[in-house]
Amino acid sequence: MRVKGFGELEAVVMDRIWEREGTTTVRQIFDALAAHRDIAYTTVMSTMDNLYRKGWLARVRTGKAFTYWPTLSREQHTARLMREVFDAGGQTDLVLTHFVEQMSAEESASLRQALRRLSGGEDTA
């Protein structure tokens, strides 16, 4: 099973969109990308349209252009990818064990806190 992610340019565009607060336009993303790479406006527009058609972006027409926003946060997207990896990785308990063994002490503490919160053992404050 192949993990569904983004193409190279789609990943760059999504990173820029996730870095922004609220909605964004093709022009804003183009300007951010063009400052660091040689890229055509139409390439950014096509990429954002593709991301919209794939369900990663939502949009509304504002005048002659569209305003876009992500349908999932970066964290929700990452969690979805992790779920797909667990589903494709063989024995889930072994995959999870190997994953946890690779965690830093801080990541392990964050995982324990999240599990306590989900089980009702700790407030989210």
PDB file of N, CA and C in Angstrom:
ATOM      1  N   MET A   1       0.846  -1.194   0.000  1.00  0.00           N
ATOM      2  CA  MET A   1       0.000   0.000   0.000  1.00  0.00           C
ATOM      3  C   MET A   1       0.881   1.244   0.000  1.00  0.00           C
ATOM      4  N   ARG A   2       0.619   2.186  -0.874  1.00  0.00           N
ATOM      5  CA  ARG A   2       1.380   3.416  -0.990  1.00  0.00           C
ATOM      6  C   ARG A   2       0.792   4.473  -0.071  1.00  0.00           C
ATOM      7  N   VAL A   3       1.666   5.147   0.671  1.00  0.00           N
ATOM      8  CA  VAL A   3       1.214   6.241   1.539  1.00  0.00           C
ATOM      9  C   VAL A   3       0.937   7.458   0.664  1.00  0.00           C
ATOM     10  N   LYS A   4      -0.235   8.028   0.829  1.00  0.00           N
ATOM     11  CA  LYS A   4      -0.643   9.168   0.017  1.00  0.00           C
ATOM     12  C   LYS A   4      -0.129  10.451   0.642  1.00  0.00           C
ATOM     13  N   GLY A   5       0.733  11.113  -0.054  1.00  0.00           N
ATOM     14  CA  GLY A   5       1.250  12.392   0.397  1.00  0.00           C
ATOM     15  C   GLY A   5       1.126  13.401  -0.713  1.00  0.00           C
ATOM     16  N   PHE A   6       2.052  14.322  -0.744  1.00  0.00           N
ATOM     17  CA  PHE A   6       2.058  15.364  -1.754  1.00  0.00           C
ATOM     18  C   PHE A   6       3.222  15.153  -2.709  1.00  0.00           C
ATOM     19  N   GLY A   7       3.077  15.667  -3.921  1.00  0.00           N
ATOM     20  CA  GLY A   7       4.212  15.768  -4.819  1.00  0.00           C
ATOM     21  C   GLY A   7       5.156  16.831  -4.265  1.00  0.00           C
ATOM     22  N   GLU A   8       6.333  16.956  -4.868  1.00  0.00           N
ATOM     23  CA  GLU A   8       7.343  17.890  -4.350  1.00  0.00           C
ATOM     24  C   GLU A   8       6.835  19.330  -4.283  1.00  0.00           C
ATOM     25  N   LEU A   9       6.296  19.845  -5.380  1.00  0.00           N
ATOM     26  CA  LEU A   9       5.804  21.227  -5.380  1.00  0.00           C
ATOM     27  C   LEU A   9       4.557  21.356  -4.518  1.00  0.00           C
ATOM     28  N   GLU A  10       3.702  20.353  -4.527  1.00  0.00           N
ATOM     29  CA  GLU A  10       2.514  20.392  -3.663  1.00  0.00           C
ATOM     30  C   GLU A  10       2.927  20.516  -2.198  1.00  0.00           C
ATOM     31  N   ALA A  11       3.968  19.800  -1.792  1.00  0.00           N
ATOM     32  CA  ALA A  11       4.443  19.860  -0.407  1.00  0.00           C
ATOM     33  C   ALA A  11       4.963  21.254  -0.074  1.00  0.00           C
ATOM     34  N   VAL A  12       5.689  21.864  -0.994  1.00  0.00           N
ATOM     35  CA  VAL A  12       6.212  23.215  -0.773  1.00  0.00           C
ATOM     36  C   VAL A  12       5.059  24.210  -0.638  1.00  0.00           C
ATOM     37  N   VAL A  13       4.084  24.102  -1.529  1.00  0.00           N
ATOM     38  CA  VAL A  13       2.918  25.001  -1.486  1.00  0.00           C
ATOM     39  C   VAL A  13       2.150  24.810  -0.178  1.00  0.00           C
ATOM     40  N   MET A  14       1.907  23.558   0.203  1.00  0.00           N
ATOM     41  CA  MET A  14       1.174  23.308   1.454  1.00  0.00           C
ATOM     42  C   MET A  14       1.942  23.847   2.650  1.00  0.00           C
ATOM     43  N   ASP A  15       3.259  23.714   2.666  1.00  0.00           N
ATOM     44  CA  ASP A  15       4.053  24.285   3.767  1.00  0.00           C
ATOM     45  C   ASP A  15       3.832  25.787   3.865  1.00  0.00           C
ATOM     46  N   ARG A  16       3.856  26.457   2.730  1.00  0.00           N
ATOM     47  CA  ARG A  16       3.626  27.915   2.728  1.00  0.00           C
ATOM     48  C   ARG A  16       2.222  28.257   3.209  1.00  0.00           C
ATOM     49  N   ILE A  17       1.242  27.471   2.784  1.00  0.00           N
ATOM     50  CA  ILE A  17      -0.140  27.737   3.185  1.00  0.00           C
ATOM     51  C   ILE A  17      -0.294  27.509   4.689  1.00  0.00           C
ATOM     52  N   TRP A  18       0.281  26.411   5.209  1.00  0.00           N
ATOM     53  CA  TRP A  18       0.185  26.129   6.639  1.00  0.00           C
ATOM     54  C   TRP A  18       0.909  27.179   7.477  1.00  0.00           C
ATOM     55  N   GLU A  19       1.942  27.805   6.926  1.00  0.00           N
ATOM     56  CA  GLU A  19       2.676  28.847   7.655  1.00  0.00           C
ATOM     57  C   GLU A  19       1.844  30.116   7.816  1.00  0.00           C
ATOM     58  N   ARG A  20       0.893  30.324   6.933  1.00  0.00           N
ATOM     59  CA  ARG A  20       0.065  31.532   6.965  1.00  0.00           C
ATOM     60  C   ARG A  20      -1.127  31.317   7.902  1.00  0.00           C
ATOM     61  N   GLU A  21      -1.641  32.378   8.419  1.00  0.00           N
ATOM     62  CA  GLU A  21      -2.855  32.297   9.236  1.00  0.00           C
ATOM     63  C   GLU A  21      -4.034  32.694   8.372  1.00  0.00           C
ATOM     64  N   GLY A  22      -5.096  31.935   8.445  1.00  0.00           N
ATOM     65  CA  GLY A  22      -6.297  32.275   7.694  1.00  0.00           C
ATOM     66  C   GLY A  22      -6.199  31.857   6.242  1.00  0.00           C
ATOM     67  N   THR A  23      -6.788  32.670   5.383  1.00  0.00           N
ATOM     68  CA  THR A  23      -6.874  32.330   3.966  1.00  0.00           C
ATOM     69  C   THR A  23      -5.683  32.912   3.205  1.00  0.00           C
ATOM     70  N   THR A  24      -5.525  32.448   1.974  1.00  0.00           N
ATOM     71  CA  THR A  24      -4.427  32.933   1.142  1.00  0.00           C
ATOM     72  C   THR A  24      -4.846  32.919  -0.321  1.00  0.00           C
ATOM     73  N   THR A  25      -4.069  33.575  -1.133  1.00  0.00           N
ATOM     74  CA  THR A  25      -4.332  33.616  -2.567  1.00  0.00           C
ATOM     75  C   THR A  25      -3.149  33.022  -3.325  1.00  0.00           C
ATOM     76  N   VAL A  26      -3.382  32.728  -4.594  1.00  0.00           N
ATOM     77  CA  VAL A  26      -2.294  32.240  -5.444  1.00  0.00           C
ATOM     78  C   VAL A  26      -1.184  33.283  -5.483  1.00  0.00           C
ATOM     79  N   ARG A  27      -1.539  34.551  -5.594  1.00  0.00           N
ATOM     80  CA  ARG A  27      -0.542  35.625  -5.669  1.00  0.00           C
ATOM     81  C   ARG A  27       0.351  35.627  -4.425  1.00  0.00           C
ATOM     82  N   GLN A  28      -0.247  35.466  -3.247  1.00  0.00           N
ATOM     83  CA  GLN A  28       0.549  35.472  -2.016  1.00  0.00           C
ATOM     84  C   GLN A  28       1.514  34.290  -1.964  1.00  0.00           C
ATOM     85  N   ILE A  29       1.048  33.127  -2.367  1.00  0.00           N
ATOM     86  CA  ILE A  29       1.917  31.950  -2.366  1.00  0.00           C
ATOM     87  C   ILE A  29       2.979  32.089  -3.451  1.00  0.00           C
ATOM     88  N   PHE A  30       2.594  32.572  -4.626  1.00  0.00           N
ATOM     89  CA  PHE A  30       3.559  32.807  -5.700  1.00  0.00           C
ATOM     90  C   PHE A  30       4.656  33.762  -5.241  1.00  0.00           C
ATOM     91  N   ASP A  31       4.278  34.875  -4.635  1.00  0.00           N
ATOM     92  CA  ASP A  31       5.266  35.857  -4.169  1.00  0.00           C
ATOM     93  C   ASP A  31       6.235  35.234  -3.164  1.00  0.00           C
ATOM     94  N   ALA A  32       5.706  34.419  -2.257  1.00  0.00           N
ATOM     95  CA  ALA A  32       6.556  33.771  -1.259  1.00  0.00           C
ATOM     96  C   ALA A  32       7.530  32.790  -1.916  1.00  0.00           C
ATOM     97  N   LEU A  33       7.052  32.040  -2.903  1.00  0.00           N
ATOM     98  CA  LEU A  33       7.906  31.058  -3.573  1.00  0.00           C
ATOM     99  C   LEU A  33       8.899  31.719  -4.525  1.00  0.00           C
ATOM    100  N   ALA A  34       8.442  32.738  -5.251  1.00  0.00           N
ATOM    101  CA  ALA A  34       9.291  33.397  -6.253  1.00  0.00           C
ATOM    102  C   ALA A  34      10.483  34.104  -5.619  1.00  0.00           C
ATOM    103  N   ALA A  35      10.389  34.412  -4.339  1.00  0.00           N
ATOM    104  CA  ALA A  35      11.514  35.042  -3.644  1.00  0.00           C
ATOM    105  C   ALA A  35      12.689  34.085  -3.489  1.00  0.00           C
ATOM    106  N   HIS A  36      12.424  32.768  -3.621  1.00  0.00           N
ATOM    107  CA  HIS A  36      13.468  31.768  -3.380  1.00  0.00           C
ATOM    108  C   HIS A  36      13.717  30.818  -4.554  1.00  0.00           C
ATOM    109  N   ARG A  37      12.855  30.863  -5.569  1.00  0.00           N
ATOM    110  CA  ARG A  37      13.018  29.950  -6.709  1.00  0.00           C
ATOM    111  C   ARG A  37      12.404  30.558  -7.950  1.00  0.00           C
ATOM    112  N   ASP A  38      12.870  30.077  -9.082  1.00  0.00           N
ATOM    113  CA  ASP A  38      12.325  30.517 -10.358  1.00  0.00           C
ATOM    114  C   ASP A  38      11.079  29.683 -10.637  1.00  0.00           C
ATOM    115  N   ILE A  39       9.915  30.311 -10.575  1.00  0.00           N
ATOM    116  CA  ILE A  39       8.655  29.595 -10.742  1.00  0.00           C
ATOM    117  C   ILE A  39       7.642  30.513 -11.417  1.00  0.00           C
ATOM    118  N   ALA A  40       6.794  29.938 -12.235  1.00  0.00           N
ATOM    119  CA  ALA A  40       5.767  30.706 -12.944  1.00  0.00           C
ATOM    120  C   ALA A  40       4.501  30.801 -12.098  1.00  0.00           C
ATOM    121  N   TYR A  41       3.833  31.931 -12.217  1.00  0.00           N
ATOM    122  CA  TYR A  41       2.562  32.139 -11.524  1.00  0.00           C
ATOM    123  C   TYR A  41       1.574  31.037 -11.882  1.00  0.00           C
ATOM    124  N   THR A  42       1.510  30.676 -13.174  1.00  0.00           N
ATOM    125  CA  THR A  42       0.555  29.653 -13.613  1.00  0.00           C
ATOM    126  C   THR A  42       0.865  28.281 -13.015  1.00  0.00           C
ATOM    127  N   THR A  43       2.126  28.022 -12.736  1.00  0.00           N
ATOM    128  CA  THR A  43       2.499  26.751 -12.097  1.00  0.00           C
ATOM    129  C   THR A  43       1.940  26.691 -10.682  1.00  0.00           C
ATOM    130  N   VAL A  44       2.063  27.794  -9.949  1.00  0.00           N
ATOM    131  CA  VAL A  44       1.513  27.856  -8.589  1.00  0.00           C
ATOM    132  C   VAL A  44      -0.004  27.751  -8.650  1.00  0.00           C
ATOM    133  N   MET A  45      -0.626  28.456  -9.594  1.00  0.00           N
ATOM    134  CA  MET A  45      -2.082  28.422  -9.740  1.00  0.00           C
ATOM    135  C   MET A  45      -2.548  26.990 -10.041  1.00  0.00           C
ATOM    136  N   SER A  46      -1.880  26.307 -10.958  1.00  0.00           N
ATOM    137  CA  SER A  46      -2.255  24.928 -11.300  1.00  0.00           C
ATOM    138  C   SER A  46      -2.067  23.993 -10.113  1.00  0.00           C
ATOM    139  N   THR A  47      -0.985  24.183  -9.378  1.00  0.00           N
ATOM    140  CA  THR A  47      -0.717  23.333  -8.217  1.00  0.00           C
ATOM    141  C   THR A  47      -1.796  23.524  -7.154  1.00  0.00           C
ATOM    142  N   MET A  48      -2.175  24.770  -6.892  1.00  0.00           N
ATOM    143  CA  MET A  48      -3.211  25.027  -5.894  1.00  0.00           C
ATOM    144  C   MET A  48      -4.559  24.509  -6.365  1.00  0.00           C
ATOM    145  N   ASP A  49      -4.839  24.601  -7.666  1.00  0.00           N
ATOM    146  CA  ASP A  49      -6.074  24.031  -8.198  1.00  0.00           C
ATOM    147  C   ASP A  49      -6.068  22.506  -8.039  1.00  0.00           C
ATOM    148  N   ASN A  50      -4.933  21.870  -8.305  1.00  0.00           N
ATOM    149  CA  ASN A  50      -4.821  20.421  -8.108  1.00  0.00           C
ATOM    150  C   ASN A  50      -5.057  20.047  -6.644  1.00  0.00           C
ATOM    151  N   LEU A  51      -4.475  20.811  -5.731  1.00  0.00           N
ATOM    152  CA  LEU A  51      -4.666  20.539  -4.302  1.00  0.00           C
ATOM    153  C   LEU A  51      -6.135  20.722  -3.909  1.00  0.00           C
ATOM    154  N   TYR A  52      -6.808  21.677  -4.516  1.00  0.00           N
ATOM    155  CA  TYR A  52      -8.241  21.865  -4.285  1.00  0.00           C
ATOM    156  C   TYR A  52      -9.021  20.649  -4.797  1.00  0.00           C
ATOM    157  N   ARG A  53      -8.732  20.202  -6.028  1.00  0.00           N
ATOM    158  CA  ARG A  53      -9.447  19.064  -6.604  1.00  0.00           C
ATOM    159  C   ARG A  53      -9.196  17.769  -5.822  1.00  0.00           C
ATOM    160  N   LYS A  54      -8.030  17.664  -5.195  1.00  0.00           N
ATOM    161  CA  LYS A  54      -7.708  16.485  -4.380  1.00  0.00           C
ATOM    162  C   LYS A  54      -8.303  16.571  -2.977  1.00  0.00           C
ATOM    163  N   GLY A  55      -8.875  17.729  -2.625  1.00  0.00           N
ATOM    164  CA  GLY A  55      -9.509  17.884  -1.318  1.00  0.00           C
ATOM    165  C   GLY A  55      -8.608  18.417  -0.223  1.00  0.00           C
ATOM    166  N   TRP A  56      -7.377  18.801  -0.550  1.00  0.00           N
ATOM    167  CA  TRP A  56      -6.458  19.324   0.456  1.00  0.00           C
ATOM    168  C   TRP A  56      -6.708  20.800   0.746  1.00  0.00           C
ATOM    169  N   LEU A  57      -7.279  21.501  -0.228  1.00  0.00           N
ATOM    170  CA  LEU A  57      -7.599  22.917  -0.059  1.00  0.00           C
ATOM    171  C   LEU A  57      -9.083  23.140  -0.324  1.00  0.00           C
ATOM    172  N   ALA A  58      -9.638  24.122   0.370  1.00  0.00           N
ATOM    173  CA  ALA A  58     -10.980  24.618   0.076  1.00  0.00           C
ATOM    174  C   ALA A  58     -10.785  26.007  -0.539  1.00  0.00           C
ATOM    175  N   ARG A  59     -11.796  26.502  -1.241  1.00  0.00           N
ATOM    176  CA  ARG A  59     -11.651  27.824  -1.856  1.00  0.00           C
ATOM    177  C   ARG A  59     -13.001  28.477  -2.041  1.00  0.00           C
ATOM    178  N   VAL A  60     -12.941  29.789  -2.178  1.00  0.00           N
ATOM    179  CA  VAL A  60     -14.114  30.585  -2.490  1.00  0.00           C
ATOM    180  C   VAL A  60     -13.672  31.678  -3.464  1.00  0.00           C
ATOM    181  N   ARG A  61     -14.529  31.980  -4.418  1.00  0.00           N
ATOM    182  CA  ARG A  61     -14.193  33.029  -5.378  1.00  0.00           C
ATOM    183  C   ARG A  61     -14.317  34.384  -4.686  1.00  0.00           C
ATOM    184  N   THR A  62     -13.262  35.177  -4.858  1.00  0.00           N
ATOM    185  CA  THR A  62     -13.227  36.535  -4.333  1.00  0.00           C
ATOM    186  C   THR A  62     -12.870  37.449  -5.498  1.00  0.00           C
ATOM    187  N   GLY A  63     -13.872  38.084  -6.088  1.00  0.00           N
ATOM    188  CA  GLY A  63     -13.625  38.873  -7.289  1.00  0.00           C
ATOM    189  C   GLY A  63     -13.299  37.946  -8.448  1.00  0.00           C
ATOM    190  N   LYS A  64     -12.155  38.191  -9.103  1.00  0.00           N
ATOM    191  CA  LYS A  64     -11.750  37.363 -10.240  1.00  0.00           C
ATOM    192  C   LYS A  64     -10.876  36.185  -9.825  1.00  0.00           C
ATOM    193  N   ALA A  65     -10.465  36.147  -8.577  1.00  0.00           N
ATOM    194  CA  ALA A  65      -9.539  35.103  -8.112  1.00  0.00           C
ATOM    195  C   ALA A  65     -10.203  34.257  -7.036  1.00  0.00           C
ATOM    196  N   PHE A  66      -9.476  33.259  -6.584  1.00  0.00           N
ATOM    197  CA  PHE A  66      -9.938  32.409  -5.491  1.00  0.00           C
ATOM    198  C   PHE A  66      -9.117  32.689  -4.240  1.00  0.00           C
ATOM    199  N   THR A  67      -9.759  32.533  -3.108  1.00  0.00           N
ATOM    200  CA  THR A  67      -9.090  32.556  -1.821  1.00  0.00           C
ATOM    201  C   THR A  67      -9.112  31.126  -1.304  1.00  0.00           C
ATOM    202  N   TYR A  68      -7.963  30.637  -0.841  1.00  0.00           N
ATOM    203  CA  TYR A  68      -7.800  29.238  -0.439  1.00  0.00           C
ATOM    204  C   TYR A  68      -7.493  29.117   1.052  1.00  0.00           C
ATOM    205  N   TRP A  69      -7.809  27.958   1.608  1.00  0.00           N
ATOM    206  CA  TRP A  69      -7.398  27.596   2.962  1.00  0.00           C
ATOM    207  C   TRP A  69      -7.314  26.067   3.027  1.00  0.00           C
ATOM    208  N   PRO A  70      -6.460  25.550   3.923  1.00  0.00           N
ATOM    209  CA  PRO A  70      -6.297  24.092   4.019  1.00  0.00           C
ATOM    210  C   PRO A  70      -7.510  23.444   4.670  1.00  0.00           C
ATOM    211  N   THR A  71      -7.848  22.235   4.216  1.00  0.00           N
ATOM    212  CA  THR A  71      -8.965  21.495   4.809  1.00  0.00           C
ATOM    213  C   THR A  71      -8.532  20.743   6.066  1.00  0.00           C
ATOM    214  N   LEU A  72      -7.227  20.534   6.217  1.00  0.00           N
ATOM    215  CA  LEU A  72      -6.667  19.906   7.408  1.00  0.00           C
ATOM    216  C   LEU A  72      -5.482  20.732   7.880  1.00  0.00           C
ATOM    217  N   SER A  73      -5.262  20.758   9.189  1.00  0.00           N
ATOM    218  CA  SER A  73      -4.059  21.395   9.703  1.00  0.00           C
ATOM    219  C   SER A  73      -2.857  20.517   9.367  1.00  0.00           C
ATOM    220  N   ARG A  74      -1.672  21.064   9.495  1.00  0.00           N
ATOM    221  CA  ARG A  74      -0.458  20.281   9.267  1.00  0.00           C
ATOM    222  C   ARG A  74      -0.441  19.056  10.187  1.00  0.00           C
ATOM    223  N   GLU A  75      -0.861  19.250  11.435  1.00  0.00           N
ATOM    224  CA  GLU A  75      -0.862  18.160  12.407  1.00  0.00           C
ATOM    225  C   GLU A  75      -1.887  17.088  12.057  1.00  0.00           C
ATOM    226  N   GLN A  76      -3.057  17.501  11.581  1.00  0.00           N
ATOM    227  CA  GLN A  76      -4.072  16.525  11.163  1.00  0.00           C
ATOM    228  C   GLN A  76      -3.586  15.733   9.950  1.00  0.00           C
ATOM    229  N   HIS A  77      -2.927  16.414   9.030  1.00  0.00           N
ATOM    230  CA  HIS A  77      -2.380  15.730   7.850  1.00  0.00           C
ATOM    231  C   HIS A  77      -1.314  14.714   8.275  1.00  0.00           C
ATOM    232  N   THR A  78      -0.427  15.128   9.171  1.00  0.00           N
ATOM    233  CA  THR A  78       0.626  14.231   9.643  1.00  0.00           C
ATOM    234  C   THR A  78       0.029  13.017  10.345  1.00  0.00           C
ATOM    235  N   ALA A  79      -0.990  13.234  11.161  1.00  0.00           N
ATOM    236  CA  ALA A  79      -1.648  12.116  11.853  1.00  0.00           C
ATOM    237  C   ALA A  79      -2.271  11.156  10.843  1.00  0.00           C
ATOM    238  N   ARG A  80      -2.845  11.687   9.780  1.00  0.00           N
ATOM    239  CA  ARG A  80      -3.441  10.836   8.736  1.00  0.00           C
ATOM    240  C   ARG A  80      -2.362   9.997   8.051  1.00  0.00           C
ATOM    241  N   LEU A  81      -1.211  10.613   7.767  1.00  0.00           N
ATOM    242  CA  LEU A  81      -0.097   9.867   7.171  1.00  0.00           C
ATOM    243  C   LEU A  81       0.388   8.765   8.113  1.00  0.00           C
ATOM    244  N   MET A  82       0.469   9.088   9.396  1.00  0.00           N
ATOM    245  CA  MET A  82       0.892   8.083  10.379  1.00  0.00           C
ATOM    246  C   MET A  82      -0.091   6.922  10.408  1.00  0.00           C
ATOM    247  N   ARG A  83      -1.381   7.220  10.341  1.00  0.00           N
ATOM    248  CA  ARG A  83      -2.400   6.168  10.328  1.00  0.00           C
ATOM    249  C   ARG A  83      -2.212   5.258   9.116  1.00  0.00           C
ATOM    250  N   GLU A  84      -1.954   5.854   7.943  1.00  0.00           N
ATOM    251  CA  GLU A  84      -1.744   5.076   6.736  1.00  0.00           C
ATOM    252  C   GLU A  84      -0.500   4.198   6.854  1.00  0.00           C
ATOM    253  N   VAL A  85       0.546   4.722   7.484  1.00  0.00           N
ATOM    254  CA  VAL A  85       1.762   3.933   7.681  1.00  0.00           C
ATOM    255  C   VAL A  85       1.480   2.764   8.613  1.00  0.00           C
ATOM    256  N   PHE A  86       0.771   3.008   9.692  1.00  0.00           N
ATOM    257  CA  PHE A  86       0.411   1.912  10.606  1.00  0.00           C
ATOM    258  C   PHE A  86      -0.403   0.849   9.874  1.00  0.00           C
ATOM    259  N   ASP A  87      -1.339   1.274   9.045  1.00  0.00           N
ATOM    260  CA  ASP A  87      -2.175   0.326   8.305  1.00  0.00           C
ATOM    261  C   ASP A  87      -1.361  -0.499   7.314  1.00  0.00           C
ATOM    262  N   ALA A  88      -0.308   0.094   6.756  1.00  0.00           N
ATOM    263  CA  ALA A  88       0.484  -0.573   5.723  1.00  0.00           C
ATOM    264  C   ALA A  88       1.721  -1.287   6.267  1.00  0.00           C
ATOM    265  N   GLY A  89       2.019  -1.117   7.560  1.00  0.00           N
ATOM    266  CA  GLY A  89       3.302  -1.542   8.087  1.00  0.00           C
ATOM    267  C   GLY A  89       3.405  -2.939   8.633  1.00  0.00           C
ATOM    268  N   GLY A  90       2.406  -3.766   8.474  1.00  0.00           N
ATOM    269  CA  GLY A  90       2.476  -5.115   9.028  1.00  0.00           C
ATOM    270  C   GLY A  90       1.782  -5.171  10.373  1.00  0.00           C
ATOM    271  N   GLN A  91       2.411  -5.849  11.327  1.00  0.00           N
ATOM    272  CA  GLN A  91       1.804  -6.018  12.649  1.00  0.00           C
ATOM    273  C   GLN A  91       1.864  -4.687  13.405  1.00  0.00           C
ATOM    274  N   THR A  92       0.696  -4.118  13.634  1.00  0.00           N
ATOM    275  CA  THR A  92       0.606  -2.788  14.229  1.00  0.00           C
ATOM    276  C   THR A  92       1.330  -2.703  15.564  1.00  0.00           C
ATOM    277  N   ASP A  93       1.207  -3.742  16.412  1.00  0.00           N
ATOM    278  CA  ASP A  93       1.861  -3.684  17.719  1.00  0.00           C
ATOM    279  C   ASP A  93       3.380  -3.620  17.576  1.00  0.00           C
ATOM    280  N   LEU A  94       3.943  -4.316  16.595  1.00  0.00           N
ATOM    281  CA  LEU A  94       5.392  -4.268  16.387  1.00  0.00           C
ATOM    282  C   LEU A  94       5.822  -2.932  15.790  1.00  0.00           C
ATOM    283  N   VAL A  95       5.040  -2.431  14.841  1.00  0.00           N
ATOM    284  CA  VAL A  95       5.341  -1.126  14.255  1.00  0.00           C
ATOM    285  C   VAL A  95       5.323  -0.062  15.353  1.00  0.00           C
ATOM    286  N   LEU A  96       4.299  -0.095  16.185  1.00  0.00           N
ATOM    287  CA  LEU A  96       4.186   0.880  17.266  1.00  0.00           C
ATOM    288  C   LEU A  96       5.341   0.751  18.248  1.00  0.00           C
ATOM    289  N   THR A  97       5.728  -0.473  18.587  1.00  0.00           N
ATOM    290  CA  THR A  97       6.851  -0.687  19.496  1.00  0.00           C
ATOM    291  C   THR A  97       8.134  -0.093  18.924  1.00  0.00           C
ATOM    292  N   HIS A  98       8.415  -0.374  17.655  1.00  0.00           N
ATOM    293  CA  HIS A  98       9.624   0.170  17.024  1.00  0.00           C
ATOM    294  C   HIS A  98       9.572   1.699  16.957  1.00  0.00           C
ATOM    295  N   PHE A  99       8.389   2.239  16.700  1.00  0.00           N
ATOM    296  CA  PHE A  99       8.221   3.688  16.642  1.00  0.00           C
ATOM    297  C   PHE A  99       8.523   4.318  17.999  1.00  0.00           C
ATOM    298  N   VAL A 100       7.949   3.762  19.053  1.00  0.00           N
ATOM    299  CA  VAL A 100       8.131   4.310  20.406  1.00  0.00           C
ATOM    300  C   VAL A 100       9.586   4.192  20.839  1.00  0.00           C
ATOM    301  N   GLU A 101      10.253   3.115  20.455  1.00  0.00           N
ATOM    302  CA  GLU A 101      11.666   2.933  20.815  1.00  0.00           C
ATOM    303  C   GLU A 101      12.550   4.030  20.228  1.00  0.00           C
ATOM    304  N   GLN A 102      12.127   4.638  19.152  1.00  0.00           N
ATOM    305  CA  GLN A 102      12.921   5.674  18.488  1.00  0.00           C
ATOM    306  C   GLN A 102      12.632   7.080  19.015  1.00  0.00           C
ATOM    307  N   MET A 103      11.685   7.204  19.929  1.00  0.00           N
ATOM    308  CA  MET A 103      11.299   8.517  20.448  1.00  0.00           C
ATOM    309  C   MET A 103      12.335   9.049  21.428  1.00  0.00           C
ATOM    310  N   SER A 104      12.446  10.377  21.438  1.00  0.00           N
ATOM    311  CA  SER A 104      13.263  11.034  22.451  1.00  0.00           C
ATOM    312  C   SER A 104      12.486  11.026  23.767  1.00  0.00           C
ATOM    313  N   ALA A 105      13.146  11.388  24.842  1.00  0.00           N
ATOM    314  CA  ALA A 105      12.486  11.448  26.147  1.00  0.00           C
ATOM    315  C   ALA A 105      11.337  12.461  26.122  1.00  0.00           C
ATOM    316  N   GLU A 106      11.538  13.579  25.442  1.00  0.00           N
ATOM    317  CA  GLU A 106      10.493  14.611  25.369  1.00  0.00           C
ATOM    318  C   GLU A 106       9.289  14.108  24.569  1.00  0.00           C
ATOM    319  N   GLU A 107       9.552  13.426  23.464  1.00  0.00           N
ATOM    320  CA  GLU A 107       8.463  12.887  22.655  1.00  0.00           C
ATOM    321  C   GLU A 107       7.701  11.806  23.420  1.00  0.00           C
ATOM    322  N   SER A 108       8.429  10.996  24.148  1.00  0.00           N
ATOM    323  CA  SER A 108       7.799   9.947  24.955  1.00  0.00           C
ATOM    324  C   SER A 108       6.903  10.560  26.026  1.00  0.00           C
ATOM    325  N   ALA A 109       7.387  11.612  26.674  1.00  0.00           N
ATOM    326  CA  ALA A 109       6.584  12.297  27.693  1.00  0.00           C
ATOM    327  C   ALA A 109       5.330  12.912  27.057  1.00  0.00           C
ATOM    328  N   SER A 110       5.464  13.480  25.863  1.00  0.00           N
ATOM    329  CA  SER A 110       4.306  14.052  25.163  1.00  0.00           C
ATOM    330  C   SER A 110       3.296  12.973  24.815  1.00  0.00           C
ATOM    331  N   LEU A 111       3.781  11.798  24.409  1.00  0.00           N
ATOM    332  CA  LEU A 111       2.884  10.688  24.092  1.00  0.00           C
ATOM    333  C   LEU A 111       2.137  10.230  25.333  1.00  0.00           C
ATOM    334  N   ARG A 112       2.843  10.087  26.453  1.00  0.00           N
ATOM    335  CA  ARG A 112       2.173   9.678  27.695  1.00  0.00           C
ATOM    336  C   ARG A 112       1.121  10.701  28.113  1.00  0.00           C
ATOM    337  N   GLN A 113       1.442  11.971  27.973  1.00  0.00           N
ATOM    338  CA  GLN A 113       0.483  13.027  28.321  1.00  0.00           C
ATOM    339  C   GLN A 113      -0.751  12.962  27.416  1.00  0.00           C
ATOM    340  N   ALA A 114      -0.547  12.756  26.125  1.00  0.00           N
ATOM    341  CA  ALA A 114      -1.678  12.657  25.195  1.00  0.00           C
ATOM    342  C   ALA A 114      -2.547  11.453  25.516  1.00  0.00           C
ATOM    343  N   LEU A 115      -1.934  10.328  25.850  1.00  0.00           N
ATOM    344  CA  LEU A 115      -2.702   9.125  26.202  1.00  0.00           C
ATOM    345  C   LEU A 115      -3.504   9.337  27.486  1.00  0.00           C
ATOM    346  N   ARG A 116      -2.906  10.007  28.462  1.00  0.00           N
ATOM    347  CA  ARG A 116      -3.643  10.310  29.704  1.00  0.00           C
ATOM    348  C   ARG A 116      -4.832  11.234  29.405  1.00  0.00           C
ATOM    349  N   ARG A 117      -4.590  12.227  28.584  1.00  0.00           N
ATOM    350  CA  ARG A 117      -5.651  13.180  28.238  1.00  0.00           C
ATOM    351  C   ARG A 117      -6.788  12.460  27.514  1.00  0.00           C
ATOM    352  N   LEU A 118      -6.461  11.575  26.581  1.00  0.00           N
ATOM    353  CA  LEU A 118      -7.486  10.847  25.835  1.00  0.00           C
ATOM    354  C   LEU A 118      -8.248   9.855  26.693  1.00  0.00           C
ATOM    355  N   SER A 119      -7.600   9.334  27.723  1.00  0.00           N
ATOM    356  CA  SER A 119      -8.267   8.377  28.595  1.00  0.00           C
ATOM    357  C   SER A 119      -8.997   9.065  29.740  1.00  0.00           C
ATOM    358  N   GLY A 120      -8.954  10.396  29.759  1.00  0.00           N
ATOM    359  CA  GLY A 120      -9.656  11.150  30.797  1.00  0.00           C
ATOM    360  C   GLY A 120      -8.881  11.279  32.091  1.00  0.00           C
ATOM    361  N   GLY A 121      -7.609  10.918  32.065  1.00  0.00           N
ATOM    362  CA  GLY A 121      -6.814  10.953  33.283  1.00  0.00           C
ATOM    363  C   GLY A 121      -6.148  12.289  33.563  1.00  0.00           C
ATOM    364  N   GLU A 122      -6.298  13.254  32.672  1.00  0.00           N
ATOM    365  CA  GLU A 122      -5.626  14.546  32.868  1.00  0.00           C
ATOM    366  C   GLU A 122      -6.383  15.627  32.123  1.00  0.00           C
ATOM    367  N   ASP A 123      -6.425  16.814  32.720  1.00  0.00           N
ATOM    368  CA  ASP A 123      -7.053  17.953  32.046  1.00  0.00           C
ATOM    369  C   ASP A 123      -6.157  18.409  30.906  1.00  0.00           C
ATOM    370  N   THR A 124      -6.753  19.105  29.938  1.00  0.00           N
ATOM    371  CA  THR A 124      -6.002  19.608  28.781  1.00  0.00           C
ATOM    372  C   THR A 124      -5.391  20.968  29.055  1.00  0.00           C
ATOM    373  N   ALA A 125      -5.486  21.463  30.271  1.00  0.00           N
ATOM    374  CA  ALA A 125      -4.955  22.802  30.580  1.00  0.00           C
ATOM    375  C   ALA A 125      -3.466  22.879  30.512  1.00  0.00           C
TER     376      ALA A 125
END
